[in-house]
């Protein structure tokens, strides 16, 4: 569908300047006033050929009001960071994080900072601290695929039952599970070393 154009470049194309060519791909100048949605669900602003889920070819300043939030889900807000924080990259395929200038990124407590009670939990790559509190049954803590080498989790079991970590994940069987009242640092050592229970804290 095209609005102000007889030559739509996607399933939906608004040509704000009514200046696109009737055939072929619009020029960069013509695309500057376009909005496009492609068949793969990518949104282009200022471009008719978006290369990501959201591709903004502004050419001028971008105004965001009132704030930027990272992470979040369909039912929870993302993290707006703290005053003075900057957005930092963790590498390809990894979520961006807030970081304090001159310092490290603030740590993220899983489950929006709440205890994970009598339920198993699948750790997220964005988690740093996981607070477990099982009191009725033993629970399982699963680690995500695709973690970078050196990724750490700080895990605190403040309940009365065991937190189990699958043997396929934590290779040191002597410290494979987190007993009631204990806390550990677990680090990813790579595809051969797997997850390692580093130390109590």
N, C-alpha and C. Protein backbone atom coordinates (compact mmCIF):
# COMPACT_ATOMS: atom_id res chain seq x y z
N UNK A 1 0.84 -1.19 0.00
CA UNK A 1 0.00 0.00 0.00
C UNK A 1 0.88 1.25 0.00
N UNK A 2 0.55 2.18 -0.84
CA UNK A 2 1.30 3.42 -0.90
C UNK A 2 0.43 4.63 -0.62
N UNK A 3 0.95 5.54 0.17
CA UNK A 3 0.30 6.82 0.41
C UNK A 3 1.17 7.91 -0.20
N UNK A 4 0.62 8.67 -1.09
CA UNK A 4 1.33 9.71 -1.84
C UNK A 4 2.36 9.13 -2.80
N UNK A 5 2.26 7.84 -3.09
CA UNK A 5 3.15 7.23 -4.07
C UNK A 5 2.44 6.09 -4.78
N UNK A 6 2.68 5.98 -6.08
CA UNK A 6 2.14 4.87 -6.87
C UNK A 6 3.16 3.75 -6.99
N UNK A 7 4.28 3.91 -6.29
CA UNK A 7 5.38 2.95 -6.39
C UNK A 7 5.85 2.56 -4.98
N UNK A 8 4.97 1.91 -4.18
CA UNK A 8 5.34 1.58 -2.80
C UNK A 8 6.53 0.62 -2.76
N UNK A 9 7.42 0.85 -1.79
CA UNK A 9 8.64 0.05 -1.66
C UNK A 9 8.52 -1.05 -0.60
N UNK A 10 7.35 -1.21 0.00
CA UNK A 10 7.10 -2.25 0.97
C UNK A 10 5.61 -2.50 1.06
N UNK A 11 5.20 -3.27 2.08
CA UNK A 11 3.77 -3.52 2.23
C UNK A 11 3.05 -2.24 2.63
N UNK A 12 3.79 -1.27 3.17
CA UNK A 12 3.21 0.03 3.53
C UNK A 12 4.29 1.09 3.34
N UNK A 13 3.99 2.12 2.57
CA UNK A 13 4.98 3.15 2.26
C UNK A 13 4.29 4.52 2.21
N UNK A 14 4.72 5.41 3.11
CA UNK A 14 4.25 6.80 3.08
C UNK A 14 5.36 7.65 2.46
N UNK A 15 5.03 8.34 1.38
CA UNK A 15 5.97 9.27 0.76
C UNK A 15 5.55 10.68 1.18
N UNK A 16 6.15 11.16 2.26
CA UNK A 16 5.75 12.43 2.83
C UNK A 16 5.89 13.60 1.88
N UNK A 17 6.90 13.55 1.01
CA UNK A 17 7.14 14.66 0.09
C UNK A 17 6.48 14.51 -1.25
N UNK A 18 5.79 13.39 -1.47
CA UNK A 18 5.14 13.10 -2.75
C UNK A 18 6.12 13.26 -3.92
N UNK A 19 7.37 12.83 -3.69
CA UNK A 19 8.40 13.07 -4.71
C UNK A 19 9.07 11.81 -5.22
N UNK A 20 8.58 10.62 -4.84
CA UNK A 20 9.22 9.39 -5.30
C UNK A 20 8.98 9.16 -6.80
N UNK A 21 9.93 8.47 -7.42
CA UNK A 21 9.78 8.09 -8.82
C UNK A 21 8.61 7.11 -8.96
N UNK A 22 8.03 7.06 -10.14
CA UNK A 22 6.92 6.15 -10.38
C UNK A 22 7.39 4.72 -10.63
N UNK A 23 8.69 4.55 -10.89
CA UNK A 23 9.27 3.22 -11.05
C UNK A 23 10.63 3.21 -10.37
N UNK A 24 11.09 2.01 -10.06
CA UNK A 24 12.42 1.87 -9.49
C UNK A 24 12.50 2.31 -8.04
N UNK A 25 13.74 2.33 -7.52
CA UNK A 25 13.99 2.69 -6.12
C UNK A 25 14.16 4.19 -6.00
N UNK A 26 13.51 4.84 -5.06
CA UNK A 26 13.68 6.28 -4.89
C UNK A 26 15.13 6.63 -4.56
N UNK A 27 15.53 7.83 -4.89
CA UNK A 27 16.87 8.29 -4.55
C UNK A 27 16.95 8.52 -3.05
N UNK A 28 18.18 8.69 -2.54
CA UNK A 28 18.38 8.93 -1.11
C UNK A 28 17.64 10.18 -0.67
N UNK A 29 17.64 11.21 -1.50
CA UNK A 29 16.94 12.45 -1.16
C UNK A 29 15.44 12.21 -1.08
N UNK A 30 14.90 11.42 -2.02
CA UNK A 30 13.47 11.13 -2.01
C UNK A 30 13.10 10.25 -0.81
N UNK A 31 13.97 9.30 -0.44
CA UNK A 31 13.69 8.41 0.68
C UNK A 31 13.70 9.15 2.02
N UNK A 32 14.36 10.30 2.07
CA UNK A 32 14.52 11.02 3.34
C UNK A 32 13.18 11.39 3.97
N UNK A 33 12.11 11.49 3.19
CA UNK A 33 10.80 11.85 3.76
C UNK A 33 9.83 10.67 3.71
N UNK A 34 10.36 9.45 3.63
CA UNK A 34 9.53 8.25 3.54
C UNK A 34 9.51 7.47 4.85
N UNK A 35 8.43 6.72 5.03
CA UNK A 35 8.32 5.69 6.07
C UNK A 35 7.89 4.41 5.37
N UNK A 36 8.58 3.29 5.70
CA UNK A 36 8.30 2.02 5.02
C UNK A 36 8.21 0.89 6.04
N UNK A 37 7.26 -0.02 5.83
CA UNK A 37 7.21 -1.30 6.55
C UNK A 37 7.40 -2.40 5.51
N UNK A 38 8.38 -3.27 5.73
CA UNK A 38 8.68 -4.32 4.77
C UNK A 38 7.89 -5.59 5.07
N UNK A 39 7.99 -6.57 4.17
CA UNK A 39 7.28 -7.84 4.37
C UNK A 39 7.81 -8.61 5.56
N UNK A 40 9.04 -8.33 6.01
CA UNK A 40 9.62 -9.01 7.18
C UNK A 40 9.37 -8.23 8.47
N UNK A 41 8.56 -7.16 8.38
CA UNK A 41 8.21 -6.42 9.58
C UNK A 41 9.23 -5.40 10.01
N UNK A 42 10.16 -5.05 9.12
CA UNK A 42 11.14 -4.03 9.45
C UNK A 42 10.59 -2.65 9.12
N UNK A 43 10.90 -1.69 9.99
CA UNK A 43 10.40 -0.33 9.83
C UNK A 43 11.55 0.59 9.45
N UNK A 44 11.39 1.28 8.32
CA UNK A 44 12.39 2.24 7.88
C UNK A 44 11.84 3.65 7.96
N UNK A 45 12.58 4.54 8.58
CA UNK A 45 12.24 5.96 8.65
C UNK A 45 13.36 6.73 7.97
N UNK A 46 13.03 7.40 6.88
CA UNK A 46 14.07 8.09 6.12
C UNK A 46 14.81 7.16 5.18
N UNK A 47 14.36 5.92 5.08
CA UNK A 47 14.92 4.95 4.15
C UNK A 47 13.83 3.98 3.74
N UNK A 48 13.86 3.54 2.49
CA UNK A 48 12.89 2.54 2.02
C UNK A 48 13.50 1.14 2.03
N UNK A 49 14.74 1.01 2.54
CA UNK A 49 15.43 -0.27 2.57
C UNK A 49 16.01 -0.51 3.96
N UNK A 50 15.15 -0.66 4.98
CA UNK A 50 15.65 -0.85 6.35
C UNK A 50 16.46 -2.13 6.48
N UNK A 51 17.52 -2.07 7.27
CA UNK A 51 18.42 -3.21 7.48
C UNK A 51 18.29 -3.81 8.87
N UNK A 52 17.33 -3.33 9.66
CA UNK A 52 17.11 -3.84 11.00
C UNK A 52 15.63 -3.69 11.33
N UNK A 53 15.23 -4.20 12.50
CA UNK A 53 13.82 -4.10 12.89
C UNK A 53 13.37 -2.64 12.90
N UNK A 54 14.24 -1.73 13.33
CA UNK A 54 13.99 -0.30 13.24
C UNK A 54 15.24 0.36 12.67
N UNK A 55 15.10 0.99 11.51
CA UNK A 55 16.23 1.65 10.84
C UNK A 55 15.85 3.10 10.61
N UNK A 56 16.55 4.00 11.31
CA UNK A 56 16.27 5.43 11.18
C UNK A 56 17.44 6.08 10.46
N UNK A 57 17.19 6.59 9.26
CA UNK A 57 18.20 7.35 8.51
C UNK A 57 17.81 8.81 8.65
N UNK A 58 18.19 9.42 9.78
CA UNK A 58 17.64 10.72 10.14
C UNK A 58 18.18 11.85 9.27
N UNK A 59 19.50 11.88 9.08
CA UNK A 59 20.08 13.00 8.36
C UNK A 59 20.20 14.23 9.23
N UNK A 60 19.37 14.32 10.27
CA UNK A 60 19.42 15.41 11.24
C UNK A 60 19.32 14.79 12.63
N UNK A 61 19.12 15.61 13.64
CA UNK A 61 19.05 15.11 15.01
C UNK A 61 17.82 14.24 15.21
N UNK A 62 17.92 13.29 16.16
CA UNK A 62 16.79 12.46 16.58
C UNK A 62 16.38 12.91 17.97
N UNK A 63 15.11 13.19 18.16
CA UNK A 63 14.61 13.61 19.47
C UNK A 63 13.84 12.47 20.10
N UNK A 64 14.22 12.10 21.33
CA UNK A 64 13.55 11.04 22.09
C UNK A 64 13.02 11.66 23.37
N UNK A 65 11.73 11.54 23.60
CA UNK A 65 11.10 12.20 24.74
C UNK A 65 10.11 11.23 25.38
N UNK A 66 10.19 10.92 26.68
CA UNK A 66 11.07 11.59 27.63
C UNK A 66 12.37 10.85 27.93
N UNK A 67 12.48 9.53 27.63
CA UNK A 67 13.65 8.78 28.06
C UNK A 67 13.86 7.55 27.18
N UNK A 68 15.03 6.95 27.31
CA UNK A 68 15.36 5.68 26.65
C UNK A 68 15.36 4.59 27.70
N UNK A 69 14.71 3.46 27.41
CA UNK A 69 14.73 2.31 28.32
C UNK A 69 15.31 1.09 27.58
N UNK A 70 16.14 0.35 28.28
CA UNK A 70 16.75 -0.85 27.72
C UNK A 70 16.11 -2.09 28.33
N UNK A 71 15.94 -3.13 27.53
CA UNK A 71 15.35 -4.36 28.02
C UNK A 71 13.85 -4.24 28.16
N UNK A 72 13.30 -4.91 29.15
CA UNK A 72 11.85 -4.91 29.33
C UNK A 72 11.17 -5.98 28.50
N UNK A 73 9.90 -6.18 28.77
CA UNK A 73 9.11 -7.19 28.06
C UNK A 73 7.77 -6.56 27.68
N UNK A 74 6.89 -7.38 27.17
CA UNK A 74 5.56 -6.89 26.80
C UNK A 74 4.76 -6.46 28.03
N UNK A 75 5.19 -6.92 29.21
CA UNK A 75 4.44 -6.60 30.43
C UNK A 75 5.26 -5.83 31.46
N UNK A 76 6.51 -5.50 31.16
CA UNK A 76 7.33 -4.76 32.12
C UNK A 76 8.16 -3.72 31.40
N UNK A 77 8.39 -2.60 32.09
CA UNK A 77 9.21 -1.54 31.53
C UNK A 77 10.67 -1.95 31.51
N UNK A 78 11.42 -1.33 30.60
CA UNK A 78 12.86 -1.55 30.59
C UNK A 78 13.55 -0.67 31.62
N UNK A 79 14.87 -0.69 31.59
CA UNK A 79 15.69 0.05 32.55
C UNK A 79 16.07 1.39 31.96
N UNK A 80 15.71 2.48 32.64
CA UNK A 80 16.02 3.82 32.16
C UNK A 80 17.42 4.29 32.58
N UNK A 81 18.15 3.46 33.33
CA UNK A 81 19.49 3.85 33.77
C UNK A 81 19.45 4.93 34.83
N UNK A 82 20.64 5.42 35.18
CA UNK A 82 20.78 6.49 36.17
C UNK A 82 21.31 7.74 35.49
N UNK A 83 21.14 8.88 36.16
CA UNK A 83 21.63 10.14 35.61
C UNK A 83 23.13 10.03 35.30
N UNK A 84 23.51 10.40 34.08
CA UNK A 84 24.91 10.36 33.68
C UNK A 84 25.36 9.07 33.05
N UNK A 85 24.50 8.02 33.06
CA UNK A 85 24.87 6.75 32.44
C UNK A 85 24.92 6.88 30.92
N UNK A 86 25.69 6.00 30.30
CA UNK A 86 25.75 5.93 28.84
C UNK A 86 25.41 4.52 28.41
N UNK A 87 24.93 4.37 27.16
CA UNK A 87 24.62 3.05 26.62
C UNK A 87 25.90 2.43 26.07
N UNK A 88 26.19 1.20 26.49
CA UNK A 88 27.40 0.51 26.04
C UNK A 88 27.04 -0.79 25.34
N UNK A 89 27.88 -1.19 24.40
CA UNK A 89 27.69 -2.44 23.67
C UNK A 89 28.39 -3.58 24.38
N UNK A 90 27.74 -4.78 24.35
CA UNK A 90 28.38 -5.99 24.85
C UNK A 90 28.82 -6.90 23.70
N UNK A 91 28.77 -6.39 22.49
CA UNK A 91 29.21 -7.17 21.33
C UNK A 91 28.03 -7.66 20.51
N UNK A 92 28.32 -8.25 19.33
CA UNK A 92 27.27 -8.70 18.42
C UNK A 92 26.33 -9.70 19.08
N UNK A 93 25.04 -9.51 18.87
CA UNK A 93 24.05 -10.44 19.39
C UNK A 93 23.75 -10.30 20.87
N UNK A 94 24.42 -9.37 21.56
CA UNK A 94 24.21 -9.19 22.99
C UNK A 94 23.43 -7.90 23.24
N UNK A 95 22.63 -7.86 24.29
CA UNK A 95 21.86 -6.64 24.57
C UNK A 95 22.76 -5.51 25.05
N UNK A 96 22.40 -4.30 24.70
CA UNK A 96 23.12 -3.13 25.21
C UNK A 96 22.83 -2.96 26.70
N UNK A 97 23.76 -2.30 27.41
CA UNK A 97 23.58 -2.06 28.84
C UNK A 97 23.93 -0.62 29.17
N UNK A 98 23.37 -0.14 30.28
CA UNK A 98 23.78 1.16 30.79
C UNK A 98 25.11 1.03 31.52
N UNK A 99 25.95 2.03 31.41
CA UNK A 99 27.22 2.04 32.14
C UNK A 99 27.47 3.45 32.68
N UNK A 100 28.12 3.50 33.83
CA UNK A 100 28.50 4.77 34.41
C UNK A 100 29.82 5.20 33.81
N UNK A 101 29.91 6.44 33.38
CA UNK A 101 31.17 6.95 32.79
C UNK A 101 32.28 6.80 33.82
N UNK A 102 33.36 6.17 33.37
CA UNK A 102 34.49 5.95 34.28
C UNK A 102 34.31 4.74 35.17
N UNK A 103 33.20 3.99 34.98
CA UNK A 103 32.94 2.82 35.80
C UNK A 103 32.35 1.71 34.96
N UNK A 104 31.84 0.70 35.63
CA UNK A 104 31.25 -0.44 34.92
C UNK A 104 29.74 -0.28 34.88
N UNK A 105 29.11 -1.10 34.04
CA UNK A 105 27.66 -1.05 33.92
C UNK A 105 27.01 -1.48 35.23
N UNK A 106 25.90 -0.86 35.63
CA UNK A 106 25.22 -1.28 36.86
C UNK A 106 24.72 -2.71 36.72
N UNK A 107 24.77 -3.46 37.83
CA UNK A 107 24.34 -4.85 37.80
C UNK A 107 22.82 -4.93 37.77
N UNK A 108 22.33 -5.98 37.11
CA UNK A 108 20.88 -6.20 36.97
C UNK A 108 20.47 -7.36 37.86
N UNK A 109 19.49 -7.12 38.73
CA UNK A 109 18.95 -8.18 39.58
C UNK A 109 17.79 -8.84 38.85
N UNK A 110 17.85 -10.16 38.71
CA UNK A 110 16.82 -10.91 37.98
C UNK A 110 15.44 -10.73 38.60
N UNK A 111 14.42 -11.00 37.79
CA UNK A 111 13.03 -11.00 38.25
C UNK A 111 12.65 -9.64 38.82
N UNK A 112 13.14 -8.57 38.17
CA UNK A 112 12.84 -7.19 38.59
C UNK A 112 13.19 -6.94 40.05
N UNK A 113 14.27 -7.60 40.50
CA UNK A 113 14.76 -7.37 41.86
C UNK A 113 14.05 -8.16 42.93
N UNK A 114 13.13 -9.05 42.55
CA UNK A 114 12.36 -9.82 43.53
C UNK A 114 12.93 -11.22 43.70
N UNK A 115 12.62 -11.83 44.84
CA UNK A 115 13.00 -13.23 45.06
C UNK A 115 12.32 -14.13 44.03
N UNK A 116 13.04 -15.19 43.62
CA UNK A 116 12.45 -16.28 42.86
C UNK A 116 12.15 -17.37 43.88
N UNK A 117 10.89 -17.63 44.15
CA UNK A 117 10.49 -18.49 45.26
C UNK A 117 10.52 -19.96 44.84
N UNK A 118 9.43 -20.69 45.04
CA UNK A 118 9.42 -22.13 44.78
C UNK A 118 9.17 -22.42 43.30
N UNK A 119 10.09 -21.96 42.46
CA UNK A 119 9.97 -22.18 41.01
C UNK A 119 11.36 -22.21 40.40
N UNK A 120 11.50 -23.01 39.37
CA UNK A 120 12.76 -23.03 38.63
C UNK A 120 12.88 -21.74 37.83
N UNK A 121 14.11 -21.42 37.40
CA UNK A 121 14.33 -20.15 36.71
C UNK A 121 15.31 -20.36 35.57
N UNK A 122 15.00 -19.75 34.42
CA UNK A 122 15.91 -19.74 33.28
C UNK A 122 16.61 -18.39 33.27
N UNK A 123 17.89 -18.39 33.62
CA UNK A 123 18.64 -17.14 33.71
C UNK A 123 18.70 -16.46 32.35
N UNK A 124 18.62 -15.14 32.35
CA UNK A 124 18.72 -14.34 31.14
C UNK A 124 20.15 -13.83 30.98
N UNK A 125 20.54 -13.56 29.76
CA UNK A 125 21.87 -13.00 29.52
C UNK A 125 22.02 -11.63 30.17
N UNK A 126 20.92 -10.94 30.38
CA UNK A 126 20.97 -9.61 30.98
C UNK A 126 21.01 -9.66 32.50
N UNK A 127 20.76 -10.82 33.10
CA UNK A 127 20.81 -10.94 34.56
C UNK A 127 22.26 -10.90 35.05
N UNK A 128 22.46 -10.36 36.23
CA UNK A 128 23.76 -10.42 36.91
C UNK A 128 23.64 -11.05 38.28
N UNK A 129 22.59 -10.69 39.01
CA UNK A 129 22.35 -11.19 40.37
C UNK A 129 21.02 -11.92 40.37
N UNK A 130 21.01 -13.13 40.96
CA UNK A 130 19.80 -13.95 41.02
C UNK A 130 19.54 -14.31 42.47
N UNK A 131 18.40 -13.87 43.01
CA UNK A 131 18.03 -14.12 44.39
C UNK A 131 17.00 -15.25 44.43
N UNK A 132 17.42 -16.42 44.93
CA UNK A 132 16.54 -17.58 45.01
C UNK A 132 16.10 -17.78 46.46
N UNK A 133 14.86 -18.20 46.65
CA UNK A 133 14.35 -18.45 48.01
C UNK A 133 13.35 -19.60 48.00
N UNK A 134 13.81 -20.82 47.67
CA UNK A 134 12.90 -21.97 47.69
C UNK A 134 12.68 -22.46 49.13
N UNK A 135 11.43 -22.66 49.50
CA UNK A 135 11.13 -23.14 50.86
C UNK A 135 10.30 -24.42 50.87
N UNK A 136 9.67 -24.77 49.75
CA UNK A 136 8.81 -25.95 49.71
C UNK A 136 9.43 -27.09 48.92
N UNK A 137 10.12 -26.77 47.83
CA UNK A 137 10.69 -27.80 46.96
C UNK A 137 12.06 -27.34 46.47
N UNK A 138 12.89 -28.32 46.08
CA UNK A 138 14.14 -27.98 45.39
C UNK A 138 13.79 -27.40 44.03
N UNK A 139 14.57 -26.44 43.57
CA UNK A 139 14.31 -25.80 42.28
C UNK A 139 15.55 -25.90 41.40
N UNK A 140 15.37 -25.67 40.10
CA UNK A 140 16.47 -25.77 39.15
C UNK A 140 16.76 -24.39 38.56
N UNK A 141 18.04 -24.08 38.44
CA UNK A 141 18.48 -22.85 37.80
C UNK A 141 19.18 -23.22 36.51
N UNK A 142 18.61 -22.80 35.38
CA UNK A 142 19.17 -23.10 34.07
C UNK A 142 19.90 -21.89 33.51
N UNK A 143 21.00 -22.13 32.80
CA UNK A 143 21.80 -21.06 32.24
C UNK A 143 21.57 -20.96 30.73
N UNK A 144 21.66 -19.76 30.17
CA UNK A 144 21.30 -19.56 28.76
C UNK A 144 22.41 -19.98 27.80
N UNK A 145 22.01 -20.32 26.59
CA UNK A 145 22.98 -20.56 25.52
C UNK A 145 23.44 -19.21 24.98
N UNK A 146 24.61 -19.19 24.36
CA UNK A 146 25.09 -17.99 23.71
C UNK A 146 25.76 -16.99 24.63
N UNK A 147 26.08 -17.39 25.86
CA UNK A 147 26.73 -16.46 26.79
C UNK A 147 28.18 -16.23 26.37
N UNK A 148 28.71 -15.02 26.52
CA UNK A 148 30.11 -14.77 26.22
C UNK A 148 31.00 -15.37 27.30
N UNK A 149 32.21 -15.76 26.93
CA UNK A 149 33.17 -16.27 27.92
C UNK A 149 33.42 -15.19 28.96
N UNK A 150 33.37 -15.58 30.23
CA UNK A 150 33.55 -14.63 31.32
C UNK A 150 32.26 -14.12 31.92
N UNK A 151 31.10 -14.46 31.29
CA UNK A 151 29.81 -14.03 31.85
C UNK A 151 29.66 -14.61 33.25
N UNK A 152 29.26 -13.76 34.23
CA UNK A 152 29.12 -14.19 35.61
C UNK A 152 27.69 -14.01 36.11
N UNK A 153 27.29 -14.88 37.00
CA UNK A 153 26.07 -14.72 37.76
C UNK A 153 26.42 -14.78 39.25
N UNK A 154 25.86 -13.87 40.02
CA UNK A 154 25.97 -13.91 41.47
C UNK A 154 24.65 -14.49 41.98
N UNK A 155 24.72 -15.70 42.57
CA UNK A 155 23.52 -16.42 42.93
C UNK A 155 23.46 -16.59 44.44
N UNK A 156 22.36 -16.17 45.03
CA UNK A 156 22.17 -16.28 46.47
C UNK A 156 20.95 -17.15 46.75
N UNK A 157 21.17 -18.24 47.50
CA UNK A 157 20.07 -19.12 47.92
C UNK A 157 19.72 -18.77 49.36
N UNK A 158 18.67 -17.98 49.54
CA UNK A 158 18.27 -17.56 50.87
C UNK A 158 17.06 -18.33 51.38
N UNK A 159 16.79 -19.49 50.73
CA UNK A 159 15.69 -20.34 51.14
C UNK A 159 16.16 -21.49 52.01
N UNK A 160 15.30 -22.48 52.14
CA UNK A 160 15.61 -23.65 52.97
C UNK A 160 15.75 -24.92 52.15
N UNK A 161 15.61 -24.82 50.82
CA UNK A 161 15.76 -25.98 49.94
C UNK A 161 16.89 -25.74 48.95
N UNK A 162 17.25 -26.78 48.21
CA UNK A 162 18.39 -26.76 47.31
C UNK A 162 18.07 -26.03 45.99
N UNK A 163 19.07 -25.32 45.44
CA UNK A 163 19.01 -24.81 44.08
C UNK A 163 19.89 -25.71 43.22
N UNK A 164 19.30 -26.41 42.29
CA UNK A 164 20.01 -27.38 41.47
C UNK A 164 20.48 -26.72 40.18
N UNK A 165 21.72 -27.01 39.78
CA UNK A 165 22.23 -26.55 38.49
C UNK A 165 22.58 -27.78 37.68
N UNK A 166 22.03 -27.94 36.48
CA UNK A 166 22.23 -29.17 35.70
C UNK A 166 23.70 -29.48 35.47
N UNK A 167 24.06 -30.79 35.54
CA UNK A 167 25.46 -31.20 35.38
C UNK A 167 26.00 -30.80 34.01
N UNK A 168 25.14 -30.76 33.01
CA UNK A 168 25.59 -30.36 31.69
C UNK A 168 26.07 -28.92 31.70
N UNK A 169 25.61 -28.14 32.68
CA UNK A 169 26.01 -26.74 32.76
C UNK A 169 27.23 -26.57 33.66
N UNK A 170 27.07 -26.86 34.96
CA UNK A 170 28.18 -26.70 35.90
C UNK A 170 28.97 -28.00 35.95
N UNK A 171 30.25 -27.95 35.53
CA UNK A 171 31.04 -29.16 35.35
C UNK A 171 31.64 -29.69 36.65
N UNK A 172 31.89 -28.82 37.65
CA UNK A 172 32.47 -29.29 38.91
C UNK A 172 31.35 -29.89 39.76
N UNK A 173 31.24 -31.22 39.76
CA UNK A 173 30.11 -31.87 40.43
C UNK A 173 30.15 -31.68 41.94
N UNK A 174 31.33 -31.40 42.52
CA UNK A 174 31.42 -31.22 43.97
C UNK A 174 30.71 -29.94 44.41
N UNK A 175 30.63 -28.98 43.53
CA UNK A 175 29.98 -27.71 43.86
C UNK A 175 28.87 -27.41 42.87
N UNK A 176 28.20 -28.47 42.43
CA UNK A 176 27.22 -28.33 41.37
C UNK A 176 25.94 -27.66 41.83
N UNK A 177 25.54 -27.89 43.08
CA UNK A 177 24.29 -27.36 43.58
C UNK A 177 24.54 -26.32 44.66
N UNK A 178 23.60 -25.41 44.81
CA UNK A 178 23.73 -24.33 45.79
C UNK A 178 22.85 -24.68 46.98
N UNK A 179 23.47 -25.03 48.09
CA UNK A 179 22.73 -25.47 49.26
C UNK A 179 22.02 -24.29 49.91
N UNK A 180 21.05 -24.61 50.76
CA UNK A 180 20.29 -23.57 51.45
C UNK A 180 21.25 -22.70 52.27
N UNK A 181 21.06 -21.41 52.16
CA UNK A 181 21.87 -20.47 52.92
C UNK A 181 23.23 -20.18 52.33
N UNK A 182 23.47 -20.62 51.08
CA UNK A 182 24.78 -20.40 50.45
C UNK A 182 24.63 -19.49 49.24
N UNK A 183 25.75 -18.91 48.84
CA UNK A 183 25.77 -18.08 47.65
C UNK A 183 27.05 -18.30 46.89
N UNK A 184 26.99 -18.24 45.56
CA UNK A 184 28.16 -18.52 44.73
C UNK A 184 28.23 -17.58 43.53
N UNK A 185 29.43 -17.48 42.99
CA UNK A 185 29.65 -16.81 41.72
C UNK A 185 29.88 -17.88 40.67
N UNK A 186 29.09 -17.88 39.61
CA UNK A 186 29.22 -18.87 38.54
C UNK A 186 29.62 -18.15 37.26
N UNK A 187 30.67 -18.66 36.61
CA UNK A 187 31.23 -18.02 35.41
C UNK A 187 31.23 -18.99 34.25
N UNK A 188 31.00 -18.46 33.04
CA UNK A 188 31.05 -19.29 31.83
C UNK A 188 32.48 -19.32 31.31
N UNK A 189 33.04 -20.53 31.17
CA UNK A 189 34.43 -20.72 30.74
C UNK A 189 34.57 -21.07 29.27
N UNK A 190 33.47 -21.12 28.54
CA UNK A 190 33.52 -21.46 27.13
C UNK A 190 32.87 -22.80 26.87
N UNK A 191 32.78 -23.22 25.58
CA UNK A 191 32.06 -24.45 25.23
C UNK A 191 32.68 -25.71 25.82
N UNK A 192 33.97 -25.71 26.12
CA UNK A 192 34.60 -26.89 26.71
C UNK A 192 34.49 -26.86 28.23
N UNK A 193 34.84 -25.72 28.82
CA UNK A 193 34.82 -25.60 30.27
C UNK A 193 33.43 -25.49 30.86
N UNK A 194 32.46 -25.01 30.07
CA UNK A 194 31.11 -24.86 30.57
C UNK A 194 31.03 -23.82 31.67
N UNK A 195 30.02 -23.97 32.52
CA UNK A 195 29.82 -23.04 33.64
C UNK A 195 30.60 -23.57 34.85
N UNK A 196 31.27 -22.65 35.56
CA UNK A 196 32.13 -23.04 36.68
C UNK A 196 31.69 -22.32 37.94
N UNK A 197 31.52 -23.08 39.02
CA UNK A 197 31.19 -22.51 40.31
C UNK A 197 32.48 -21.96 40.92
N UNK A 198 32.67 -20.64 40.84
CA UNK A 198 33.95 -20.03 41.16
C UNK A 198 34.23 -19.89 42.65
N UNK A 199 33.27 -19.34 43.39
CA UNK A 199 33.55 -19.07 44.80
C UNK A 199 32.29 -18.75 45.53
N UNK A 200 32.34 -18.89 46.85
CA UNK A 200 31.24 -18.43 47.70
C UNK A 200 31.43 -16.95 47.97
N UNK A 201 30.32 -16.26 48.26
CA UNK A 201 30.44 -14.84 48.60
C UNK A 201 29.55 -14.51 49.77
